[in-house]
């Protein structure tokens, strides 16, 4: 087992090394330039379309409303990455890591937009008449049979990654916070969450989307309001916090207090890696959810879907990062969820820690739901509808296992599989970028935008 752990750690160092950072940021930057900055300039349009997309639409063009599809995507991305991931990035890379998370998100909007455009453009109907889409279908239908192996690779990595990053890691974080904050036994947490998850995912995408569209807006707005209150308390420290972020993005962070210091490369590496962990731009998962939405326009779906990256990282991750830096606890030596909890508790004694615990519970639960759909679609692509029941059974069992076992190795393996998912998706994005550009131009020309 130790040998396997060492091998995965070695592979993780390679797949999250400089070449991967260049590929992720480079692909996003290339698409952003090719689209002439459209994802940034049309952010408000994306929000308008998102709000207007609450209606179900024509059932013949999808299974859920565009708004529900976005909430399903956000349910998977707004999770431990927004609390644990941001705190880990700052703990290991210093305040400058937050700057590189922003960069990842800004170019990631172009990446997420393109993923969704291709997913909707090349989606299919399965034998039950449900829409299926995502990088594997874009590769198969857009690049042809000679590239089928690439779609197969994505589906394998995505189907396996879900059990780690979208399931066991989430239930483990949930059990941790309930045990440390409310003294609830881990097996109790595992049992209760397992039953609830089973009841939801047995209803498929429609039930997942309904639950997500109810919980996600509530949890996002609540978290932003609580963070804003903390930042109002530390309002006089905000300018200095931004100074630290921009300074340490380009110069090393010196050791201070419980902080061990960090090189610039560490700020970039952890900022980009945790940014991707949070918003999943480049992984291709956003397209899987949006392909189920009622739509006649891939571009419209892309404009709605790219808002998820903006909400996830530019808004929610920024609020977490700023509360950690403004409160001063980033030099305390705490890490992960404990670091975020310390920031909330320092500003709101006796309340902040409990609020963060509840927020983390909701975040992790919805992530398990969202990723269950992503993973299921990957296995349907590989083995057909017959894979659905075995997948759902294993998914539910994994929820309980994640809650009761220690998962240091699962965290490492999940992080590695995330990177391996990104490689086929990014290659497909680059090869199919002319399709994205043509569809975008046609849409804006037709609507005189």
Protein backbone atom coordinates (compact mmCIF):
# COMPACT_ATOMS: atom_id res chain seq x y z
CA UNK A 1 0.00 0.00 0.00
CA UNK A 2 2.87 2.34 0.79
CA UNK A 3 4.31 1.72 -2.69
CA UNK A 4 0.97 2.55 -4.31
CA UNK A 5 0.74 5.73 -2.24
CA UNK A 6 4.24 6.75 -3.34
CA UNK A 7 3.43 6.04 -7.00
CA UNK A 8 0.24 8.12 -6.88
CA UNK A 9 2.10 10.94 -5.08
CA UNK A 10 4.75 10.86 -7.81
CA UNK A 11 2.08 10.95 -10.54
CA UNK A 12 0.28 13.78 -8.73
CA UNK A 13 3.48 15.82 -8.74
CA UNK A 14 3.73 15.36 -12.49
CA UNK A 15 0.11 15.99 -13.49
CA UNK A 16 -0.14 19.08 -11.28
CA UNK A 17 3.30 20.35 -12.26
CA UNK A 18 4.20 23.29 -14.50
CA UNK A 19 3.04 21.63 -17.77
CA UNK A 20 -0.49 21.15 -16.41
CA UNK A 21 -0.66 24.70 -15.07
CA UNK A 22 0.44 26.00 -18.46
CA UNK A 23 -2.09 23.76 -20.25
CA UNK A 24 -5.01 24.87 -18.06
CA UNK A 25 -4.19 28.58 -18.01
CA UNK A 26 -2.95 28.53 -21.61
CA UNK A 27 -6.12 26.89 -22.93
CA UNK A 28 -8.31 29.33 -21.03
CA UNK A 29 -6.26 32.32 -22.18
CA UNK A 30 -6.28 31.11 -25.80
CA UNK A 31 -10.07 30.72 -25.75
CA UNK A 32 -10.57 34.06 -24.01
CA UNK A 33 -8.46 35.83 -26.64
CA UNK A 34 -10.12 33.93 -29.50
CA UNK A 35 -13.54 34.92 -28.12
CA UNK A 36 -12.27 38.53 -27.84
CA UNK A 37 -13.01 38.67 -24.12
CA UNK A 38 -16.71 37.92 -24.65
CA UNK A 39 -17.15 35.81 -21.46
CA UNK A 40 -16.00 38.76 -19.32
CA UNK A 41 -17.89 41.42 -21.27
CA UNK A 42 -21.10 39.38 -21.26
CA UNK A 43 -21.20 38.47 -17.56
CA UNK A 44 -24.33 40.56 -16.97
CA UNK A 45 -25.98 38.99 -20.00
CA UNK A 46 -25.22 35.58 -18.52
CA UNK A 47 -26.92 36.55 -15.26
CA UNK A 48 -29.97 37.83 -17.16
CA UNK A 49 -30.24 34.61 -19.13
CA UNK A 50 -29.78 32.59 -15.95
CA UNK A 51 -32.68 34.42 -14.28
CA UNK A 52 -34.84 34.04 -17.37
CA UNK A 53 -33.95 30.37 -17.58
CA UNK A 54 -35.95 29.44 -14.47
CA UNK A 55 -38.86 28.32 -16.66
CA UNK A 56 -38.85 24.67 -17.71
CA UNK A 57 -38.97 25.38 -21.46
CA UNK A 58 -39.83 22.89 -24.21
CA UNK A 59 -39.52 19.31 -22.81
CA UNK A 60 -38.49 18.16 -26.27
CA UNK A 61 -35.24 20.13 -25.96
CA UNK A 62 -34.07 18.89 -22.56
CA UNK A 63 -34.89 17.29 -19.23
CA UNK A 64 -34.54 20.22 -16.78
CA UNK A 65 -34.65 24.01 -17.02
CA UNK A 66 -31.41 25.92 -17.82
CA UNK A 67 -31.51 27.37 -14.28
CA UNK A 68 -31.81 23.90 -12.74
CA UNK A 69 -28.95 22.68 -14.93
CA UNK A 70 -26.76 25.54 -13.65
CA UNK A 71 -27.77 24.84 -10.05
CA UNK A 72 -26.88 21.17 -10.54
CA UNK A 73 -23.47 22.25 -11.81
CA UNK A 74 -23.04 24.69 -8.91
CA UNK A 75 -24.16 22.04 -6.45
CA UNK A 76 -21.14 20.00 -7.54
CA UNK A 77 -18.64 22.87 -7.59
CA UNK A 78 -19.68 24.88 -4.51
CA UNK A 79 -18.33 22.53 -1.86
CA UNK A 80 -15.21 21.85 0.14
CA UNK A 81 -13.18 23.71 -2.48
CA UNK A 82 -14.76 27.00 -1.42
CA UNK A 83 -13.94 26.50 2.26
CA UNK A 84 -11.24 23.85 2.61
CA UNK A 85 -9.65 24.43 -0.82
CA UNK A 86 -9.23 28.18 -0.43
CA UNK A 87 -7.86 27.79 3.09
CA UNK A 88 -5.41 25.12 1.91
CA UNK A 89 -4.23 27.31 -0.96
CA UNK A 90 -3.53 30.22 1.40
CA UNK A 91 -1.93 27.95 4.02
CA UNK A 92 0.48 26.44 1.48
CA UNK A 93 0.88 29.25 -1.04
CA UNK A 94 0.29 32.41 1.02
CA UNK A 95 -2.15 35.26 0.24
CA UNK A 96 -0.84 35.43 -3.34
CA UNK A 97 -2.55 32.11 -4.09
CA UNK A 98 -5.89 33.94 -4.08
CA UNK A 99 -4.72 36.14 -6.98
CA UNK A 100 -3.91 33.06 -9.05
CA UNK A 101 -7.31 31.59 -8.17
CA UNK A 102 -8.86 34.73 -9.66
CA UNK A 103 -6.77 34.40 -12.81
CA UNK A 104 -7.81 30.77 -13.12
CA UNK A 105 -11.47 31.75 -12.77
CA UNK A 106 -11.35 34.62 -15.28
CA UNK A 107 -9.81 32.54 -18.07
CA UNK A 108 -11.82 29.59 -16.74
CA UNK A 109 -15.02 31.39 -17.74
CA UNK A 110 -13.94 31.04 -21.37
CA UNK A 111 -13.04 27.40 -20.73
CA UNK A 112 -16.37 26.62 -19.04
CA UNK A 113 -18.30 28.47 -21.77
CA UNK A 114 -16.57 26.45 -24.49
CA UNK A 115 -17.06 23.15 -22.65
CA UNK A 116 -20.79 23.76 -22.42
CA UNK A 117 -21.18 24.96 -26.01
CA UNK A 118 -19.56 21.76 -27.26
CA UNK A 119 -21.46 19.56 -24.81
CA UNK A 120 -24.84 20.90 -25.96
CA UNK A 121 -23.86 20.97 -29.63
CA UNK A 122 -22.82 17.30 -29.64
CA UNK A 123 -25.23 15.85 -27.06
CA UNK A 124 -27.25 12.70 -27.72
CA UNK A 125 -30.40 11.01 -26.44
CA UNK A 126 -30.03 7.69 -24.67
CA UNK A 127 -32.45 4.75 -24.97
CA UNK A 128 -34.74 6.32 -22.36
CA UNK A 129 -34.93 9.59 -24.27
CA UNK A 130 -32.79 11.52 -21.77
CA UNK A 131 -30.14 13.92 -23.04
CA UNK A 132 -26.50 12.96 -22.54
CA UNK A 133 -23.57 15.29 -23.14
CA UNK A 134 -20.12 16.22 -22.01
CA UNK A 135 -16.53 15.99 -23.25
CA UNK A 136 -16.84 12.28 -24.13
CA UNK A 137 -19.73 12.97 -26.51
CA UNK A 138 -18.09 16.11 -27.92
CA UNK A 139 -14.96 14.06 -28.65
CA UNK A 140 -16.90 11.16 -30.22
CA UNK A 141 -19.26 13.26 -32.33
CA UNK A 142 -17.00 16.24 -32.97
CA UNK A 143 -13.59 14.66 -33.55
CA UNK A 144 -14.68 11.30 -34.98
CA UNK A 145 -13.89 7.64 -34.39
CA UNK A 146 -10.13 8.08 -34.53
CA UNK A 147 -10.35 10.11 -31.30
CA UNK A 148 -12.75 7.73 -29.52
CA UNK A 149 -9.98 6.61 -27.15
CA UNK A 150 -9.77 10.16 -25.80
CA UNK A 151 -13.46 10.21 -24.92
CA UNK A 152 -13.09 6.78 -23.33
CA UNK A 153 -10.17 8.06 -21.23
CA UNK A 154 -12.21 11.04 -20.01
CA UNK A 155 -15.15 8.82 -19.04
CA UNK A 156 -12.88 6.40 -17.13
CA UNK A 157 -11.11 9.19 -15.22
CA UNK A 158 -14.38 11.04 -14.57
CA UNK A 159 -16.22 7.90 -13.51
CA UNK A 160 -13.51 7.07 -10.99
CA UNK A 161 -12.75 10.63 -9.86
CA UNK A 162 -16.34 11.14 -8.78
CA UNK A 163 -16.08 8.50 -6.06
CA UNK A 164 -13.21 10.45 -4.53
CA UNK A 165 -13.57 14.18 -5.09
CA UNK A 166 -17.37 14.18 -5.43
CA UNK A 167 -18.27 11.58 -2.83
CA UNK A 168 -15.92 10.16 -0.17
CA UNK A 169 -13.94 13.37 0.29
CA UNK A 170 -17.21 15.28 0.76
CA UNK A 171 -18.83 12.85 3.23
CA UNK A 172 -15.52 12.67 5.12
CA UNK A 173 -15.46 16.47 5.50
CA UNK A 174 -19.10 16.38 6.60
CA UNK A 175 -18.41 13.74 9.25
CA UNK A 176 -15.33 15.64 10.45
CA UNK A 177 -17.20 18.88 10.99
CA UNK A 178 -20.16 17.21 12.72
CA UNK A 179 -17.85 15.26 15.02
CA UNK A 180 -15.65 18.23 15.95
CA UNK A 181 -18.43 20.84 16.21
CA UNK A 182 -21.51 18.93 17.38
CA UNK A 183 -19.87 15.72 18.74
CA UNK A 184 -21.93 13.44 16.48
CA UNK A 185 -20.47 9.99 15.84
CA UNK A 186 -19.14 9.48 12.34
CA UNK A 187 -21.20 6.33 11.73
CA UNK A 188 -24.38 8.23 12.55
CA UNK A 189 -23.51 10.92 10.03
CA UNK A 190 -22.63 8.28 7.44
CA UNK A 191 -25.90 6.40 7.97
CA UNK A 192 -28.18 9.44 7.78
CA UNK A 193 -26.47 11.03 4.78
CA UNK A 194 -26.36 7.70 2.95
CA UNK A 195 -30.14 7.30 3.26
CA UNK A 196 -30.86 10.88 2.14
CA UNK A 197 -28.48 10.66 -0.84
CA UNK A 198 -30.06 7.34 -1.89
CA UNK A 199 -33.55 8.86 -1.85
CA UNK A 200 -32.46 11.79 -4.02
CA UNK A 201 -30.27 10.10 -6.65
CA UNK A 202 -32.82 7.33 -7.28
CA UNK A 203 -34.96 10.06 -8.85
CA UNK A 204 -32.29 10.83 -11.45
CA UNK A 205 -31.43 14.22 -12.89
CA UNK A 206 -34.91 15.69 -12.37
CA UNK A 207 -34.90 15.08 -8.62
CA UNK A 208 -31.23 16.09 -8.27
CA UNK A 209 -31.94 19.31 -10.18
CA UNK A 210 -35.03 20.05 -8.06
CA UNK A 211 -33.15 19.63 -4.78
CA UNK A 212 -30.15 21.60 -6.10
CA UNK A 213 -32.26 24.50 -7.33
CA UNK A 214 -33.82 24.72 -3.86
CA UNK A 215 -30.63 24.47 -1.77
CA UNK A 216 -27.90 26.10 -3.88
CA UNK A 217 -29.28 29.68 -4.13
CA UNK A 218 -30.08 29.64 -0.41
CA UNK A 219 -26.64 28.42 0.63
CA UNK A 220 -24.73 30.74 -1.72
CA UNK A 221 -26.62 33.87 -0.67
CA UNK A 222 -26.41 32.95 3.02
CA UNK A 223 -22.68 32.34 2.86
CA UNK A 224 -22.00 35.60 1.00
CA UNK A 225 -24.06 37.60 3.52
CA UNK A 226 -22.23 36.05 6.49
CA UNK A 227 -18.85 36.70 4.86
CA UNK A 228 -19.87 40.28 4.06
CA UNK A 229 -20.70 40.85 7.73
CA UNK A 230 -17.23 39.66 8.72
CA UNK A 231 -15.59 41.87 6.10
CA UNK A 232 -17.63 44.82 7.37
CA UNK A 233 -16.23 44.15 10.85
CA UNK A 234 -12.70 44.14 9.40
CA UNK A 235 -13.39 46.89 6.83
CA UNK A 236 -10.26 48.84 7.79
CA UNK A 237 -8.09 45.80 6.99
CA UNK A 238 -9.44 45.16 3.47
CA UNK A 239 -6.99 47.50 1.63
CA UNK A 240 -4.03 45.85 3.40
CA UNK A 241 -5.45 42.40 2.52
CA UNK A 242 -5.53 43.26 -1.18
CA UNK A 243 -1.99 44.59 -0.81
CA UNK A 244 -0.85 41.23 0.58
CA UNK A 245 -2.65 39.34 -2.20
CA UNK A 246 -1.08 41.31 -5.05
CA UNK A 247 2.37 41.55 -3.43
CA UNK A 248 2.68 37.85 -2.64
CA UNK A 249 1.35 36.82 -6.05
CA UNK A 250 4.72 37.90 -7.48
CA UNK A 251 7.11 37.87 -4.51
CA UNK A 252 7.78 35.09 -1.97
CA UNK A 253 5.77 35.05 1.26
CA UNK A 254 8.08 35.26 4.27
CA UNK A 255 7.56 32.94 7.24
CA UNK A 256 5.56 34.60 9.98
CA UNK A 257 3.78 33.21 13.04
CA UNK A 258 2.56 29.72 12.22
CA UNK A 259 2.94 30.31 8.46
CA UNK A 260 6.00 28.56 7.02
CA UNK A 261 6.45 30.90 4.06
CA UNK A 262 5.93 30.15 0.36
CA UNK A 263 7.70 30.67 -2.96
CA UNK A 264 5.93 32.36 -5.86
CA UNK A 265 5.69 29.02 -7.68
CA UNK A 266 3.85 27.60 -4.66
CA UNK A 267 1.37 30.49 -4.81
CA UNK A 268 0.76 29.80 -8.50
CA UNK A 269 0.59 26.02 -8.14
CA UNK A 270 -1.80 25.95 -5.20
CA UNK A 271 -3.83 28.89 -6.46
CA UNK A 272 -4.43 27.25 -9.83
CA UNK A 273 -4.89 23.70 -8.47
CA UNK A 274 -7.34 24.79 -5.73
CA UNK A 275 -9.08 27.11 -8.21
CA UNK A 276 -9.72 24.18 -10.55
CA UNK A 277 -10.72 22.04 -7.56
CA UNK A 278 -13.30 24.68 -6.69
CA UNK A 279 -14.84 25.75 -10.02
CA UNK A 280 -13.91 22.72 -12.18
CA UNK A 281 -13.31 24.88 -15.28
CA UNK A 282 -11.22 22.64 -17.50
CA UNK A 283 -12.54 19.37 -16.08
CA UNK A 284 -15.53 19.29 -18.44
CA UNK A 285 -18.16 18.49 -15.79
CA UNK A 286 -20.17 21.68 -16.38
CA UNK A 287 -21.06 20.51 -19.86
CA UNK A 288 -22.46 17.24 -18.53
CA UNK A 289 -25.06 19.09 -16.46
CA UNK A 290 -25.93 21.78 -19.00
CA UNK A 291 -26.42 19.18 -21.76
CA UNK A 292 -29.53 18.04 -19.87
CA UNK A 293 -31.03 21.55 -19.98
CA UNK A 294 -33.93 22.62 -22.19
CA UNK A 295 -32.31 24.67 -24.93
CA UNK A 296 -32.13 25.14 -28.67
CA UNK A 297 -28.90 27.14 -28.47
CA UNK A 298 -25.50 25.85 -27.32
CA UNK A 299 -24.28 29.44 -26.98
CA UNK A 300 -27.17 30.44 -24.73
CA UNK A 301 -26.42 27.42 -22.53
CA UNK A 302 -22.74 28.39 -22.49
CA UNK A 303 -23.51 31.95 -21.39
CA UNK A 304 -25.65 30.65 -18.53
CA UNK A 305 -23.17 27.94 -17.53
CA UNK A 306 -20.08 30.15 -17.43
CA UNK A 307 -21.74 32.20 -14.66
CA UNK A 308 -21.12 29.23 -12.40
CA UNK A 309 -17.37 29.87 -12.48
CA UNK A 310 -17.89 33.55 -11.69
CA UNK A 311 -20.19 32.78 -8.75
CA UNK A 312 -18.04 29.96 -7.42
CA UNK A 313 -14.61 31.57 -7.47
CA UNK A 314 -14.84 35.31 -8.07
CA UNK A 315 -17.60 35.69 -5.47
CA UNK A 316 -17.64 32.79 -2.98
CA UNK A 317 -13.95 31.81 -2.91
CA UNK A 318 -12.98 35.49 -2.74
CA UNK A 319 -15.20 35.98 0.30
CA UNK A 320 -13.57 33.01 2.05
CA UNK A 321 -10.05 34.14 1.16
CA UNK A 322 -10.61 37.74 2.24
CA UNK A 323 -12.12 36.71 5.58
CA UNK A 324 -9.08 34.51 6.27
CA UNK A 325 -6.58 37.24 5.36
CA UNK A 326 -8.43 40.16 6.97
CA UNK A 327 -8.91 38.26 10.24
CA UNK A 328 -5.16 37.62 10.38
CA UNK A 329 -5.58 33.91 11.14
CA UNK A 330 -3.70 32.88 7.98
CA UNK A 331 -0.48 33.10 10.04
CA UNK A 332 -1.89 31.03 12.91
CA UNK A 333 -0.68 27.65 11.65
CA UNK A 334 -4.23 26.34 11.25
CA UNK A 335 -5.09 24.76 7.91
CA UNK A 336 -8.07 23.51 5.88
CA UNK A 337 -11.55 23.88 7.36
CA UNK A 338 -10.03 24.78 10.74
CA UNK A 339 -8.43 27.87 9.20
CA UNK A 340 -11.73 29.05 7.69
CA UNK A 341 -13.53 28.31 10.95
CA UNK A 342 -10.94 30.33 12.88
CA UNK A 343 -11.56 33.32 10.59
CA UNK A 344 -15.34 33.19 11.14
CA UNK A 345 -14.99 32.58 14.86
CA UNK A 346 -12.57 35.48 15.33
CA UNK A 347 -15.12 37.93 13.95
CA UNK A 348 -18.26 36.27 15.30
CA UNK A 349 -17.27 34.56 18.59
CA UNK A 350 -19.53 31.73 19.60
CA UNK A 351 -21.46 31.88 16.31
CA UNK A 352 -18.99 31.95 13.42
CA UNK A 353 -17.65 28.44 13.89
CA UNK A 354 -21.13 26.93 14.02
CA UNK A 355 -22.25 28.86 10.94
CA UNK A 356 -19.26 27.64 8.94
CA UNK A 357 -19.94 24.07 10.04
CA UNK A 358 -23.53 24.27 8.81
CA UNK A 359 -22.43 25.89 5.54
CA UNK A 360 -19.89 23.13 4.97
CA UNK A 361 -22.57 20.50 5.63
CA UNK A 362 -24.86 21.92 2.95
CA UNK A 363 -21.98 22.49 0.51
CA UNK A 364 -20.70 18.93 0.82
CA UNK A 365 -24.17 17.37 0.59
CA UNK A 366 -25.05 19.14 -2.66
CA UNK A 367 -21.64 18.29 -4.10
CA UNK A 368 -22.35 14.59 -3.54
CA UNK A 369 -25.63 14.99 -5.43
CA UNK A 370 -24.15 16.92 -8.36
CA UNK A 371 -21.21 14.60 -8.81
CA UNK A 372 -23.48 11.55 -8.68
CA UNK A 373 -25.00 12.74 -11.96
CA UNK A 374 -21.58 13.45 -13.52
CA UNK A 375 -20.26 10.03 -12.56
CA UNK A 376 -23.43 8.26 -13.71
CA UNK A 377 -23.21 9.86 -17.15
CA UNK A 378 -19.60 8.77 -17.50
CA UNK A 379 -20.51 5.14 -16.73
CA UNK A 380 -23.53 5.27 -19.05
CA UNK A 381 -21.17 6.36 -21.82
CA UNK A 382 -18.86 3.43 -21.05
CA UNK A 383 -21.40 0.65 -20.42
CA UNK A 384 -24.90 1.89 -21.27
CA UNK A 385 -27.98 2.17 -19.03
CA UNK A 386 -27.23 -1.18 -17.41
CA UNK A 387 -24.47 0.57 -15.45
CA UNK A 388 -26.92 2.91 -13.67
CA UNK A 389 -28.14 0.65 -10.85
CA UNK A 390 -24.68 -0.78 -9.94
CA UNK A 391 -23.25 2.74 -10.02
CA UNK A 392 -25.94 4.15 -7.73
CA UNK A 393 -25.52 1.29 -5.25
CA UNK A 394 -21.73 1.76 -5.15
CA UNK A 395 -22.17 5.54 -4.89
CA UNK A 396 -24.42 5.25 -1.86
CA UNK A 397 -22.05 2.77 -0.17
CA UNK A 398 -19.11 5.10 -0.85
CA UNK A 399 -20.92 7.91 1.01
CA UNK A 400 -20.94 5.80 4.16
CA UNK A 401 -17.35 4.64 3.66
CA UNK A 402 -16.12 8.19 3.23
CA UNK A 403 -17.77 9.23 6.48
CA UNK A 404 -16.23 6.53 8.66
CA UNK A 405 -12.73 6.01 7.21
CA UNK A 406 -9.60 8.19 7.10
CA UNK A 407 -9.01 9.34 3.53
CA UNK A 408 -5.53 10.82 3.14
CA UNK A 409 -4.86 8.53 0.18
CA UNK A 410 -8.30 9.17 -1.35
CA UNK A 411 -7.66 12.94 -1.27
CA UNK A 412 -4.37 12.37 -3.13
CA UNK A 413 -5.91 9.97 -5.65
CA UNK A 414 -8.89 12.25 -6.27
CA UNK A 415 -6.62 15.22 -6.88
CA UNK A 416 -4.63 13.15 -9.39
CA UNK A 417 -7.74 11.91 -11.22
CA UNK A 418 -8.98 15.50 -11.47
CA UNK A 419 -5.88 16.40 -13.45
CA UNK A 420 -6.17 13.29 -15.61
CA UNK A 421 -9.79 14.26 -16.40
CA UNK A 422 -8.67 17.68 -17.51
CA UNK A 423 -6.14 16.47 -20.10
CA UNK A 424 -8.60 14.84 -22.60
CA UNK A 425 -11.05 17.70 -22.11
CA UNK A 426 -8.48 20.44 -22.75
CA UNK A 427 -7.16 18.66 -25.85
CA UNK A 428 -10.72 18.43 -27.21
CA UNK A 429 -11.36 22.12 -26.44
CA UNK A 430 -8.31 23.18 -28.43
CA UNK A 431 -9.13 20.92 -31.39
CA UNK A 432 -12.81 21.92 -31.47
CA UNK A 433 -12.28 25.62 -30.72
CA UNK A 434 -13.18 26.59 -34.35
CA UNK A 435 -16.65 25.11 -33.74
CA UNK A 436 -17.06 27.19 -30.58
CA UNK A 437 -15.99 30.37 -32.37
CA UNK A 438 -18.34 29.77 -35.32
CA UNK A 439 -21.35 29.02 -33.14
CA UNK A 440 -20.61 32.10 -31.01
CA UNK A 441 -20.28 34.38 -34.03
CA UNK A 442 -23.49 33.05 -35.60
CA UNK A 443 -25.43 33.54 -32.35
CA UNK A 444 -24.31 37.12 -31.78
CA UNK A 445 -24.75 38.03 -35.45
CA UNK A 446 -28.28 36.57 -35.47
CA UNK A 447 -29.27 38.42 -32.29
CA UNK A 448 -27.42 41.64 -33.26
CA UNK A 449 -25.42 41.60 -30.00
